[in-house]
N, C-alpha and C. Protein backbone atom coordinates (compact mmCIF):
# COMPACT_ATOMS: atom_id res chain seq x y z
N MET A 1 -7.92 -13.44 -15.10
CA MET A 1 -7.40 -11.95 -14.70
C MET A 1 -5.93 -11.23 -14.06
N LYS A 2 -6.09 -10.19 -14.71
CA LYS A 2 -5.28 -9.11 -13.94
C LYS A 2 -4.95 -9.45 -12.77
N LYS A 3 -3.66 -9.50 -12.18
CA LYS A 3 -3.48 -9.47 -10.36
C LYS A 3 -3.44 -8.63 -10.02
N ASN A 4 -3.22 -7.31 -10.68
CA ASN A 4 -3.28 -5.99 -10.87
C ASN A 4 -3.40 -4.82 -11.39
N GLN A 5 -3.37 -3.79 -11.13
CA GLN A 5 -3.54 -2.58 -12.46
C GLN A 5 -2.08 -2.11 -12.70
N ASN A 6 -1.30 -2.21 -14.11
CA ASN A 6 -0.37 -1.94 -14.21
C ASN A 6 0.64 -1.64 -12.67
N GLY A 7 0.50 -2.69 -11.69
CA GLY A 7 1.30 -2.92 -10.66
C GLY A 7 1.17 -2.27 -9.66
N ILE A 8 -0.36 -2.00 -9.65
CA ILE A 8 -0.67 -0.22 -8.22
C ILE A 8 -0.52 -1.86 -6.72
N LEU A 9 -0.09 -2.28 -7.10
CA LEU A 9 -0.36 -3.69 -5.98
C LEU A 9 0.70 -4.22 -5.37
N GLU A 10 2.19 -3.51 -6.19
CA GLU A 10 2.99 -3.62 -5.83
C GLU A 10 3.78 -2.70 -5.64
N LEU A 11 3.75 -1.67 -6.44
CA LEU A 11 3.67 -0.54 -5.42
C LEU A 11 2.52 -0.20 -4.06
N LEU A 12 1.41 0.06 -3.99
CA LEU A 12 1.35 0.03 -2.41
C LEU A 12 1.65 -1.13 -1.45
N SER A 13 2.60 -2.34 -1.85
CA SER A 13 2.68 -3.15 -0.55
C SER A 13 3.81 -2.71 0.45
N ASP A 14 4.23 -1.27 0.00
CA ASP A 14 5.44 -1.37 1.24
C ASP A 14 5.17 0.17 1.52
N LYS A 15 4.13 0.59 1.37
CA LYS A 15 3.47 2.38 1.36
C LYS A 15 1.72 2.28 2.06
N PRO A 16 1.74 1.53 3.43
CA PRO A 16 0.20 1.64 3.97
C PRO A 16 -0.36 2.95 4.20
N LEU A 17 0.20 3.80 3.99
CA LEU A 17 -0.27 5.56 4.42
C LEU A 17 0.43 6.30 2.98
N ILE A 18 -0.97 6.20 2.39
CA ILE A 18 -1.22 7.27 1.68
C ILE A 18 -1.83 8.85 1.66
N PRO A 19 -1.05 9.47 1.85
CA PRO A 19 -1.40 10.87 2.38
C PRO A 19 -1.99 10.90 1.24
N VAL A 20 -3.70 11.79 0.98
CA VAL A 20 -4.00 12.81 0.00
C VAL A 20 -4.45 13.95 -0.06
N VAL A 21 -3.25 15.06 -0.52
CA VAL A 21 -3.15 16.73 -0.23
C VAL A 21 -3.75 16.84 -1.21
N THR A 22 -4.29 18.13 -0.93
CA THR A 22 -4.93 19.98 -1.93
C THR A 22 -4.28 19.94 -1.50
N ILE A 23 -2.98 20.49 -2.65
CA ILE A 23 -2.05 21.80 -2.32
C ILE A 23 -3.21 23.64 -2.97
N LYS A 24 -3.59 23.97 -2.69
CA LYS A 24 -4.08 25.49 -2.50
C LYS A 24 -3.13 26.38 -2.92
N ASP A 25 -1.95 26.57 -1.96
CA ASP A 25 -0.35 27.06 -2.32
C ASP A 25 1.36 26.44 -2.46
N LEU A 26 1.22 27.06 -3.71
CA LEU A 26 2.61 26.30 -4.17
C LEU A 26 3.37 26.13 -3.31
N GLU A 27 3.68 27.18 -2.55
CA GLU A 27 4.79 27.76 -1.22
C GLU A 27 4.85 26.68 -0.39
N GLN A 28 3.19 25.66 0.09
CA GLN A 28 3.79 24.85 0.84
C GLN A 28 4.33 23.35 0.36
N ILE A 29 4.16 23.46 -1.29
CA ILE A 29 4.55 21.78 -1.41
C ILE A 29 6.29 21.02 -0.23
N ASP A 30 7.09 22.29 -0.31
CA ASP A 30 7.91 21.90 0.39
C ASP A 30 7.71 20.99 1.75
N ALA A 31 7.35 21.99 2.63
CA ALA A 31 6.72 21.42 3.99
C ALA A 31 5.99 20.47 3.83
N THR A 32 5.83 20.37 3.00
CA THR A 32 4.51 19.07 2.97
C THR A 32 4.67 17.60 2.46
N VAL A 33 6.22 17.66 1.66
CA VAL A 33 7.10 17.14 1.55
C VAL A 33 8.14 16.59 2.18
N ASP A 34 8.59 17.25 2.81
CA ASP A 34 9.53 17.25 4.00
C ASP A 34 8.66 16.51 5.18
N THR A 35 7.33 17.03 5.54
CA THR A 35 6.94 16.70 6.96
C THR A 35 6.65 15.05 6.41
N LEU A 36 6.06 14.50 4.82
CA LEU A 36 5.73 12.90 5.04
C LEU A 36 7.26 12.32 4.83
N LEU A 37 8.60 13.29 4.71
CA LEU A 37 9.32 12.09 4.97
C LEU A 37 10.21 12.05 5.92
N SER A 38 9.71 12.76 7.04
CA SER A 38 10.09 13.22 8.05
C SER A 38 9.41 12.18 8.58
N ARG A 39 8.46 10.87 8.85
CA ARG A 39 7.24 10.78 9.30
C ARG A 39 7.54 9.38 8.25
N ASP A 40 8.76 8.70 7.41
CA ASP A 40 8.93 7.32 6.68
C ASP A 40 7.57 7.08 5.80
N ILE A 41 7.08 8.73 5.15
CA ILE A 41 6.60 8.24 3.83
C ILE A 41 6.70 8.74 2.54
N ASN A 42 6.53 7.70 2.30
CA ASN A 42 7.47 7.89 0.63
C ASN A 42 6.86 8.34 -0.55
N CYS A 43 5.39 8.57 0.00
CA CYS A 43 4.98 9.08 -1.48
C CYS A 43 3.12 9.59 -0.99
N ILE A 44 2.50 10.29 -2.31
CA ILE A 44 1.70 11.58 -2.05
C ILE A 44 1.24 11.27 -2.85
N GLU A 45 -0.23 11.76 -3.19
CA GLU A 45 -1.59 11.48 -4.08
C GLU A 45 -1.72 12.91 -3.76
N ILE A 46 -2.11 13.17 -4.81
CA ILE A 46 -1.95 15.09 -4.73
C ILE A 46 -3.24 15.37 -5.56
N THR A 47 -4.21 16.23 -4.60
CA THR A 47 -5.69 15.64 -5.83
C THR A 47 -5.49 16.41 -7.14
N LEU A 48 -6.79 16.94 -7.98
CA LEU A 48 -7.19 17.30 -8.40
C LEU A 48 -7.94 18.68 -8.27
N ARG A 49 -8.36 19.63 -7.18
CA ARG A 49 -9.39 19.59 -6.83
C ARG A 49 -8.42 21.01 -6.51
N THR A 50 -7.96 21.76 -7.07
CA THR A 50 -7.72 23.31 -7.00
C THR A 50 -7.06 24.01 -8.37
N SER A 51 -6.96 25.35 -8.78
CA SER A 51 -6.00 25.57 -10.03
C SER A 51 -4.60 25.32 -9.73
N VAL A 52 -4.13 25.02 -9.04
CA VAL A 52 -2.03 25.17 -9.22
C VAL A 52 -2.42 23.75 -8.95
N SER A 53 -2.83 22.84 -9.39
CA SER A 53 -3.21 20.96 -8.77
C SER A 53 -2.11 20.65 -9.96
N TRP A 54 -2.41 20.95 -11.07
CA TRP A 54 -1.09 20.23 -12.04
C TRP A 54 0.33 21.26 -12.09
N GLN A 55 -0.06 22.92 -11.55
CA GLN A 55 1.39 23.10 -10.87
C GLN A 55 2.00 22.36 -9.81
N ALA A 56 1.42 22.09 -8.93
CA ALA A 56 1.51 20.71 -7.66
C ALA A 56 2.57 20.12 -8.22
N ILE A 57 1.52 19.30 -9.08
CA ILE A 57 2.18 17.72 -9.10
C ILE A 57 3.40 17.50 -10.11
N GLU A 58 4.11 18.61 -11.24
CA GLU A 58 4.71 19.42 -11.76
C GLU A 58 6.32 19.34 -11.14
N ARG A 59 5.93 20.35 -9.83
CA ARG A 59 7.06 20.50 -9.00
C ARG A 59 6.89 19.34 -8.11
N VAL A 60 6.61 18.64 -7.45
CA VAL A 60 6.95 17.98 -6.39
C VAL A 60 7.16 16.82 -7.68
N LYS A 61 7.04 16.53 -8.30
CA LYS A 61 7.86 15.03 -9.48
C LYS A 61 9.61 15.73 -9.67
N LYS A 62 8.98 17.25 -9.81
CA LYS A 62 10.85 17.23 -10.65
C LYS A 62 11.71 17.16 -9.03
N TYR A 63 10.94 18.83 -8.54
CA TYR A 63 12.06 18.17 -6.72
C TYR A 63 12.07 17.38 -6.16
N HIS A 64 11.26 16.78 -6.16
CA HIS A 64 11.46 15.57 -5.13
C HIS A 64 10.78 14.40 -5.32
N GLY A 65 10.48 14.16 -7.02
CA GLY A 65 10.74 12.66 -6.75
C GLY A 65 11.52 11.61 -6.85
N ASP A 66 12.49 12.40 -6.82
CA ASP A 66 13.77 10.74 -6.55
C ASP A 66 13.67 10.64 -5.16
N ARG A 67 13.02 11.02 -4.23
CA ARG A 67 13.02 9.98 -2.61
C ARG A 67 11.06 10.43 -2.32
N ILE A 68 9.70 10.79 -3.41
CA ILE A 68 8.28 10.15 -3.25
C ILE A 68 8.18 9.67 -4.25
N LYS A 69 6.85 9.11 -4.01
CA LYS A 69 6.04 7.72 -5.67
C LYS A 69 4.89 9.45 -5.08
N VAL A 70 5.18 9.81 -6.46
CA VAL A 70 3.73 11.04 -7.00
C VAL A 70 2.37 10.45 -7.57
N GLY A 71 1.65 10.67 -6.83
CA GLY A 71 0.07 9.89 -7.29
C GLY A 71 -1.06 11.47 -7.35
N VAL A 72 -1.70 10.89 -8.92
CA VAL A 72 -2.43 12.27 -9.13
C VAL A 72 -3.94 11.50 -8.60
N GLY A 73 -4.82 12.08 -7.66
CA GLY A 73 -5.97 11.81 -7.20
C GLY A 73 -7.02 12.24 -7.98
N THR A 74 -8.36 12.23 -7.61
CA THR A 74 -9.05 12.78 -8.41
C THR A 74 -9.49 12.57 -10.06
N ILE A 75 -8.24 11.26 -10.38
CA ILE A 75 -8.74 11.82 -11.87
C ILE A 75 -10.16 11.23 -12.63
N ILE A 76 -10.67 11.75 -13.46
CA ILE A 76 -12.51 11.21 -14.34
C ILE A 76 -12.16 11.17 -15.20
N ASN A 77 -11.46 11.51 -16.39
CA ASN A 77 -11.51 11.49 -17.70
C ASN A 77 -9.63 11.06 -18.25
N GLN A 78 -10.11 11.09 -19.40
CA GLN A 78 -9.04 10.49 -20.46
C GLN A 78 -7.92 11.57 -20.51
N GLU A 79 -8.34 12.66 -20.65
CA GLU A 79 -7.92 13.78 -20.96
C GLU A 79 -6.53 14.55 -19.50
N GLN A 80 -7.31 14.29 -18.40
CA GLN A 80 -6.69 13.56 -17.32
C GLN A 80 -5.43 12.69 -17.32
N ILE A 81 -5.94 11.95 -17.38
CA ILE A 81 -4.92 10.84 -17.87
C ILE A 81 -3.28 11.03 -18.32
N ASP A 82 -4.09 12.19 -19.82
CA ASP A 82 -2.71 12.52 -20.79
C ASP A 82 -2.15 13.34 -19.90
N LYS A 83 -2.82 13.98 -19.13
CA LYS A 83 -1.88 14.46 -18.45
C LYS A 83 -0.50 13.99 -17.30
N ALA A 84 -0.96 13.80 -16.89
CA ALA A 84 -0.65 12.46 -15.79
C ALA A 84 0.54 12.00 -16.63
N MET A 85 -0.10 11.75 -17.86
CA MET A 85 1.49 10.58 -18.93
C MET A 85 2.63 11.71 -18.69
N ASP A 86 1.97 12.55 -19.62
CA ASP A 86 2.84 13.93 -19.62
C ASP A 86 3.55 14.54 -18.00
N LEU A 87 3.24 13.96 -17.25
CA LEU A 87 4.15 14.27 -16.57
C LEU A 87 5.24 13.22 -15.60
N ASP A 88 4.60 12.57 -16.53
CA ASP A 88 5.66 10.74 -15.64
C ASP A 88 5.45 10.57 -13.99
N VAL A 89 3.97 10.90 -13.93
CA VAL A 89 4.00 10.40 -12.27
C VAL A 89 3.79 8.52 -12.21
N ASP A 90 3.52 8.75 -11.49
CA ASP A 90 4.03 7.47 -10.34
C ASP A 90 2.12 6.49 -9.98
N PHE A 91 1.67 7.02 -10.30
CA PHE A 91 0.39 6.30 -9.73
C PHE A 91 -0.40 7.20 -9.54
N LEU A 92 -2.23 6.12 -10.81
CA LEU A 92 -2.97 7.42 -10.34
C LEU A 92 -4.94 7.15 -9.48
N VAL A 93 -4.76 7.46 -9.01
CA VAL A 93 -5.89 7.32 -8.50
C VAL A 93 -6.97 8.43 -8.24
N SER A 94 -8.60 6.82 -8.99
CA SER A 94 -10.09 8.41 -9.64
C SER A 94 -11.43 7.49 -8.38
N PRO A 95 -11.45 8.73 -8.25
CA PRO A 95 -13.20 8.24 -7.02
C PRO A 95 -14.07 7.58 -7.76
N GLY A 96 -14.21 7.32 -8.80
CA GLY A 96 -14.91 5.76 -9.19
C GLY A 96 -14.23 5.47 -10.17
N PHE A 97 -15.21 5.25 -11.30
CA PHE A 97 -14.57 4.97 -12.97
C PHE A 97 -16.17 4.12 -13.95
N THR A 98 -15.81 4.01 -14.54
CA THR A 98 -16.53 3.54 -15.93
C THR A 98 -15.37 2.85 -16.40
N SER A 99 -16.08 1.51 -17.19
CA SER A 99 -15.01 0.79 -18.43
C SER A 99 -14.49 1.60 -19.60
N GLN A 100 -14.98 2.94 -19.70
CA GLN A 100 -13.88 3.56 -20.63
C GLN A 100 -12.67 4.42 -19.79
N LEU A 101 -13.09 5.65 -18.32
CA LEU A 101 -11.92 4.98 -18.41
C LEU A 101 -11.03 4.04 -17.12
N ILE A 102 -11.45 3.00 -16.98
CA ILE A 102 -10.34 1.63 -16.91
C ILE A 102 -9.72 1.43 -18.41
N LYS A 103 -10.56 1.86 -19.34
CA LYS A 103 -9.21 1.42 -20.36
C LYS A 103 -8.10 2.26 -20.55
N GLY A 104 -8.62 3.50 -20.27
CA GLY A 104 -7.31 4.94 -20.37
C GLY A 104 -6.17 5.10 -19.45
N LEU A 105 -7.47 4.04 -18.03
CA LEU A 105 -5.97 4.07 -16.91
C LEU A 105 -5.06 3.15 -17.33
N ASP A 106 -6.24 2.18 -18.42
CA ASP A 106 -4.61 0.62 -18.72
C ASP A 106 -3.91 1.27 -19.31
N ALA A 107 -4.66 2.14 -20.45
CA ALA A 107 -3.62 1.70 -21.41
C ALA A 107 -2.34 3.41 -21.67
N SER A 108 -2.33 4.13 -20.05
CA SER A 108 -0.69 4.33 -19.49
C SER A 108 -0.12 3.30 -19.28
N LYS A 109 -0.67 2.90 -18.80
CA LYS A 109 0.55 2.51 -17.84
C LYS A 109 1.34 2.33 -16.64
N ILE A 110 0.82 3.37 -16.12
CA ILE A 110 1.06 4.15 -15.00
C ILE A 110 0.09 2.75 -14.70
N PRO A 111 0.34 2.24 -12.64
CA PRO A 111 -0.10 2.28 -11.85
C PRO A 111 -1.84 2.39 -11.62
N PHE A 112 -2.52 2.20 -11.46
CA PHE A 112 -3.68 2.51 -10.97
C PHE A 112 -4.47 2.06 -10.29
N LEU A 113 -5.57 2.70 -9.11
CA LEU A 113 -6.58 2.82 -8.17
C LEU A 113 -7.37 3.36 -8.41
N PRO A 114 -9.12 2.40 -8.80
CA PRO A 114 -10.09 3.08 -9.08
C PRO A 114 -10.51 3.06 -8.23
N GLY A 115 -12.19 3.31 -7.79
CA GLY A 115 -12.24 3.30 -6.51
C GLY A 115 -13.93 2.95 -7.03
N VAL A 116 -14.72 2.42 -5.45
CA VAL A 116 -15.73 1.60 -5.59
C VAL A 116 -16.65 1.84 -4.08
N SER A 117 -17.41 2.26 -3.64
CA SER A 117 -18.46 2.21 -2.63
C SER A 117 -19.42 1.07 -2.44
N ASN A 118 -19.93 0.50 -3.52
CA ASN A 118 -20.39 -0.91 -3.55
C ASN A 118 -20.10 -1.88 -3.93
N VAL A 119 -21.25 -3.46 -3.81
CA VAL A 119 -21.18 -4.47 -3.63
C VAL A 119 -21.40 -4.28 -6.09
N SER A 120 -22.42 -3.56 -6.56
CA SER A 120 -21.96 -3.45 -7.82
C SER A 120 -21.42 -3.30 -8.36
N GLN A 121 -20.39 -2.08 -7.84
CA GLN A 121 -19.47 -1.42 -8.29
C GLN A 121 -18.41 -2.34 -8.49
N ILE A 122 -18.25 -3.19 -7.42
CA ILE A 122 -16.94 -4.20 -7.14
C ILE A 122 -16.98 -4.95 -7.96
N ILE A 123 -17.56 -6.11 -8.29
CA ILE A 123 -18.32 -6.02 -9.12
C ILE A 123 -18.09 -6.50 -10.85
N SER A 124 -18.38 -4.48 -10.56
CA SER A 124 -18.33 -3.79 -12.45
C SER A 124 -16.03 -3.66 -12.51
N ALA A 125 -16.38 -3.30 -11.38
CA ALA A 125 -14.51 -3.80 -11.55
C ALA A 125 -13.85 -4.91 -11.50
N ILE A 126 -14.17 -5.77 -10.92
CA ILE A 126 -13.86 -6.99 -11.34
C ILE A 126 -13.73 -7.80 -12.79
N GLU A 127 -15.21 -7.42 -13.25
CA GLU A 127 -15.52 -7.75 -14.39
C GLU A 127 -14.48 -7.03 -15.52
N ASN A 128 -14.06 -5.80 -15.06
CA ASN A 128 -13.03 -4.57 -15.76
C ASN A 128 -11.65 -5.56 -15.56
N ASN A 129 -11.09 -6.01 -14.90
CA ASN A 129 -9.80 -6.45 -14.54
C ASN A 129 -9.25 -5.84 -13.91
N CYS A 130 -10.36 -5.36 -12.38
CA CYS A 130 -9.38 -4.33 -11.46
C CYS A 130 -9.86 -5.25 -10.45
N ASN A 131 -8.94 -5.67 -9.78
CA ASN A 131 -8.36 -6.02 -7.87
C ASN A 131 -8.37 -5.01 -6.79
N THR A 132 -7.22 -4.38 -7.37
CA THR A 132 -6.70 -3.78 -6.07
C THR A 132 -7.81 -2.34 -6.26
N LEU A 133 -8.41 -1.83 -5.20
CA LEU A 133 -9.13 -0.69 -5.19
C LEU A 133 -9.46 0.49 -4.40
N LYS A 134 -10.07 1.58 -4.41
CA LYS A 134 -9.97 2.71 -3.85
C LYS A 134 -11.59 2.17 -3.24
N PHE A 135 -11.83 2.11 -2.20
CA PHE A 135 -13.03 2.33 -0.69
C PHE A 135 -13.05 3.43 -0.74
N PHE A 136 -13.96 4.25 -1.24
CA PHE A 136 -14.59 5.28 -1.17
C PHE A 136 -15.82 6.03 -0.88
N PRO A 137 -16.75 6.79 -0.20
CA PRO A 137 -15.56 7.45 1.01
C PRO A 137 -15.94 6.27 1.71
N ALA A 138 -14.64 6.13 2.67
CA ALA A 138 -15.04 4.22 3.21
C ALA A 138 -16.19 5.06 4.36
N ILE A 139 -15.90 5.81 5.48
CA ILE A 139 -17.16 5.02 6.84
C ILE A 139 -18.02 5.55 5.64
N LEU A 140 -18.56 6.94 5.30
CA LEU A 140 -19.33 6.21 4.62
C LEU A 140 -20.27 5.41 3.85
N SER A 141 -19.21 4.66 3.06
CA SER A 141 -19.66 3.48 2.88
C SER A 141 -19.61 1.99 3.47
N GLY A 142 -20.13 2.11 4.26
CA GLY A 142 -19.85 1.34 5.95
C GLY A 142 -18.85 0.62 6.23
N GLY A 143 -17.84 1.46 6.48
CA GLY A 143 -16.84 1.72 7.09
C GLY A 143 -15.51 -0.10 7.51
N LEU A 144 -15.21 -0.26 8.82
CA LEU A 144 -14.59 -2.09 9.02
C LEU A 144 -15.44 -2.53 8.48
N GLN A 145 -17.14 -1.84 9.19
CA GLN A 145 -18.16 -4.15 8.61
C GLN A 145 -18.07 -4.18 6.94
N ALA A 146 -18.36 -3.42 6.63
CA ALA A 146 -18.62 -3.48 5.11
C ALA A 146 -17.32 -3.24 4.47
N LEU A 147 -16.20 -3.96 4.43
CA LEU A 147 -14.51 -4.45 4.47
C LEU A 147 -14.38 -5.42 4.95
N GLU A 148 -15.04 -5.78 6.17
CA GLU A 148 -15.11 -7.20 6.58
C GLU A 148 -16.03 -8.39 6.00
N ASN A 149 -16.72 -7.63 5.67
CA ASN A 149 -17.79 -8.34 4.58
C ASN A 149 -17.48 -7.93 3.33
N PHE A 150 -16.28 -7.23 2.38
CA PHE A 150 -16.49 -7.91 1.39
C PHE A 150 -15.08 -8.69 0.91
N ASN A 151 -14.63 -8.92 2.12
CA ASN A 151 -13.44 -10.04 2.34
C ASN A 151 -14.40 -11.11 1.78
N GLN A 152 -15.03 -11.43 2.66
CA GLN A 152 -16.38 -12.88 3.07
C GLN A 152 -16.39 -12.75 1.06
N LEU A 153 -17.16 -11.93 1.22
CA LEU A 153 -17.16 -12.12 -1.13
C LEU A 153 -16.25 -12.09 -2.09
N PHE A 154 -15.24 -11.45 -1.74
CA PHE A 154 -14.46 -10.92 -2.19
C PHE A 154 -12.99 -11.16 -2.20
N PRO A 155 -12.58 -12.90 -2.03
CA PRO A 155 -11.17 -12.52 -0.49
C PRO A 155 -10.06 -12.73 -1.94
N LEU A 156 -10.15 -11.78 -2.87
CA LEU A 156 -8.92 -11.74 -4.46
C LEU A 156 -9.12 -10.52 -4.22
N VAL A 157 -9.64 -9.48 -4.01
CA VAL A 157 -9.84 -7.67 -4.13
C VAL A 157 -9.23 -7.35 -2.53
N LYS A 158 -8.55 -6.49 -2.84
CA LYS A 158 -7.51 -5.98 -1.91
C LYS A 158 -8.24 -3.85 -2.00
N PHE A 159 -8.22 -3.36 -1.09
CA PHE A 159 -8.82 -1.95 -0.34
C PHE A 159 -7.52 -1.65 0.43
N CYS A 160 -7.88 0.32 -0.84
CA CYS A 160 -7.02 1.15 -0.27
C CYS A 160 -8.74 2.66 0.36
N PRO A 161 -8.89 1.92 1.84
CA PRO A 161 -9.67 3.11 1.86
C PRO A 161 -9.54 3.90 2.37
N THR A 162 -10.33 5.55 1.28
CA THR A 162 -9.82 6.54 2.01
C THR A 162 -11.61 7.62 2.23
N GLY A 163 -11.54 8.26 2.95
CA GLY A 163 -12.74 9.54 3.18
C GLY A 163 -13.45 9.09 4.79
N GLY A 164 -13.27 9.99 5.59
CA GLY A 164 -13.08 9.79 6.96
C GLY A 164 -12.39 8.82 7.43
N ILE A 165 -10.66 8.54 6.58
CA ILE A 165 -10.33 7.34 7.17
C ILE A 165 -9.38 8.49 8.72
N GLY A 166 -8.65 8.30 9.24
CA GLY A 166 -7.86 9.75 9.93
C GLY A 166 -6.85 8.92 11.54
N ALA A 167 -6.01 9.40 12.12
CA ALA A 167 -4.90 9.05 13.52
C ALA A 167 -5.88 7.73 14.16
N VAL A 168 -7.60 8.57 14.65
CA VAL A 168 -8.17 7.36 14.93
C VAL A 168 -8.58 6.41 14.94
N ASN A 169 -8.23 6.28 13.69
CA ASN A 169 -9.40 4.91 12.90
C ASN A 169 -8.35 3.98 12.21
N PHE A 170 -7.25 4.52 10.77
CA PHE A 170 -6.17 4.00 10.95
C PHE A 170 -5.42 3.07 10.45
N LYS A 171 -5.36 2.53 12.17
CA LYS A 171 -4.78 1.22 12.38
C LYS A 171 -5.84 0.03 12.30
N SER A 172 -6.60 0.62 12.43
CA SER A 172 -7.73 -0.65 12.43
C SER A 172 -8.06 -1.02 11.43
N PHE A 173 -7.81 -0.23 10.49
CA PHE A 173 -8.18 -0.57 8.95
C PHE A 173 -7.27 -1.65 8.87
N LEU A 174 -5.88 -1.13 8.98
CA LEU A 174 -5.02 -1.82 8.27
C LEU A 174 -4.72 -3.54 8.79
N GLU A 175 -5.77 -3.43 10.23
CA GLU A 175 -5.11 -4.71 10.24
C GLU A 175 -6.28 -5.32 9.68
N LEU A 176 -7.23 -5.20 9.26
CA LEU A 176 -8.27 -5.97 7.74
C LEU A 176 -7.48 -7.30 7.00
N LYS A 177 -8.45 -8.04 6.18
CA LYS A 177 -6.89 -8.71 5.82
C LYS A 177 -6.71 -8.74 3.70
N ASN A 178 -7.85 -7.05 3.96
CA ASN A 178 -8.35 -7.34 2.86
C ASN A 178 -7.75 -5.47 2.31
N VAL A 179 -7.13 -5.26 3.45
CA VAL A 179 -6.87 -3.54 3.27
C VAL A 179 -5.11 -3.46 3.37
N VAL A 180 -5.16 -2.81 2.73
CA VAL A 180 -3.75 -3.00 1.64
C VAL A 180 -2.90 -1.60 2.06
N SER A 181 -3.57 -0.50 2.26
CA SER A 181 -3.18 0.71 3.00
C SER A 181 -4.24 1.58 2.34
N VAL A 182 -4.23 2.75 3.37
CA VAL A 182 -4.97 3.81 3.71
C VAL A 182 -5.08 4.80 3.16
N GLY A 183 -5.68 5.23 2.93
CA GLY A 183 -5.22 7.22 2.74
C GLY A 183 -6.49 8.75 2.95
N GLY A 184 -5.50 9.47 3.39
CA GLY A 184 -6.42 10.52 4.58
C GLY A 184 -5.01 11.81 4.45
N SER A 185 -6.30 12.88 4.70
CA SER A 185 -5.65 13.81 4.84
C SER A 185 -5.19 14.63 5.41
N TRP A 186 -5.00 13.86 7.22
CA TRP A 186 -4.09 13.58 7.99
C TRP A 186 -3.17 13.13 8.16
N LEU A 187 -2.59 12.57 6.74
CA LEU A 187 -1.16 12.24 6.92
C LEU A 187 -0.01 13.61 7.24
N SER A 188 -0.80 14.41 6.08
CA SER A 188 0.86 15.55 5.66
C SER A 188 0.10 16.50 6.82
N LYS A 189 -0.18 16.71 7.97
CA LYS A 189 -0.38 18.34 8.51
C LYS A 189 -0.34 18.29 9.86
């Protein structure tokens, strides 16, 4: 099994906090990036949830890409992978995966993080040579207890939990052996 997907574990190893940001107005970009950098957070995952998402990704990459790693979240198809490749983004995040999507993510040569929420999906990810995974939605899928159990079942798998993670509970997740980083929207506020 490959140790990681195009270097995702190496990319995340010094980024314990991954801000998950939905840009609704392009005017918020500079303030958002400045807020993150002022908190010593040097990466951003911009979700594909608004009509300006791609423009936002392009602008952050162009104007701030030398200071912050730019990722694309909510990747669900090859067209989005191709667009992310055109923008030369630094990492890709998917809320779930299929074998076909994994092939496209792998072929992109961009570090990627496929999403899982249960044991069967983790096994499927391992079968697809992925062992660094987004655990989403973390709280609804069992939270800390689930991740503790996953560590016993899958000691070689690392996770980045998102979904319900916030200022109150993120440290508890980071203390787990199998958690490499955590993601959430609270980081950019």
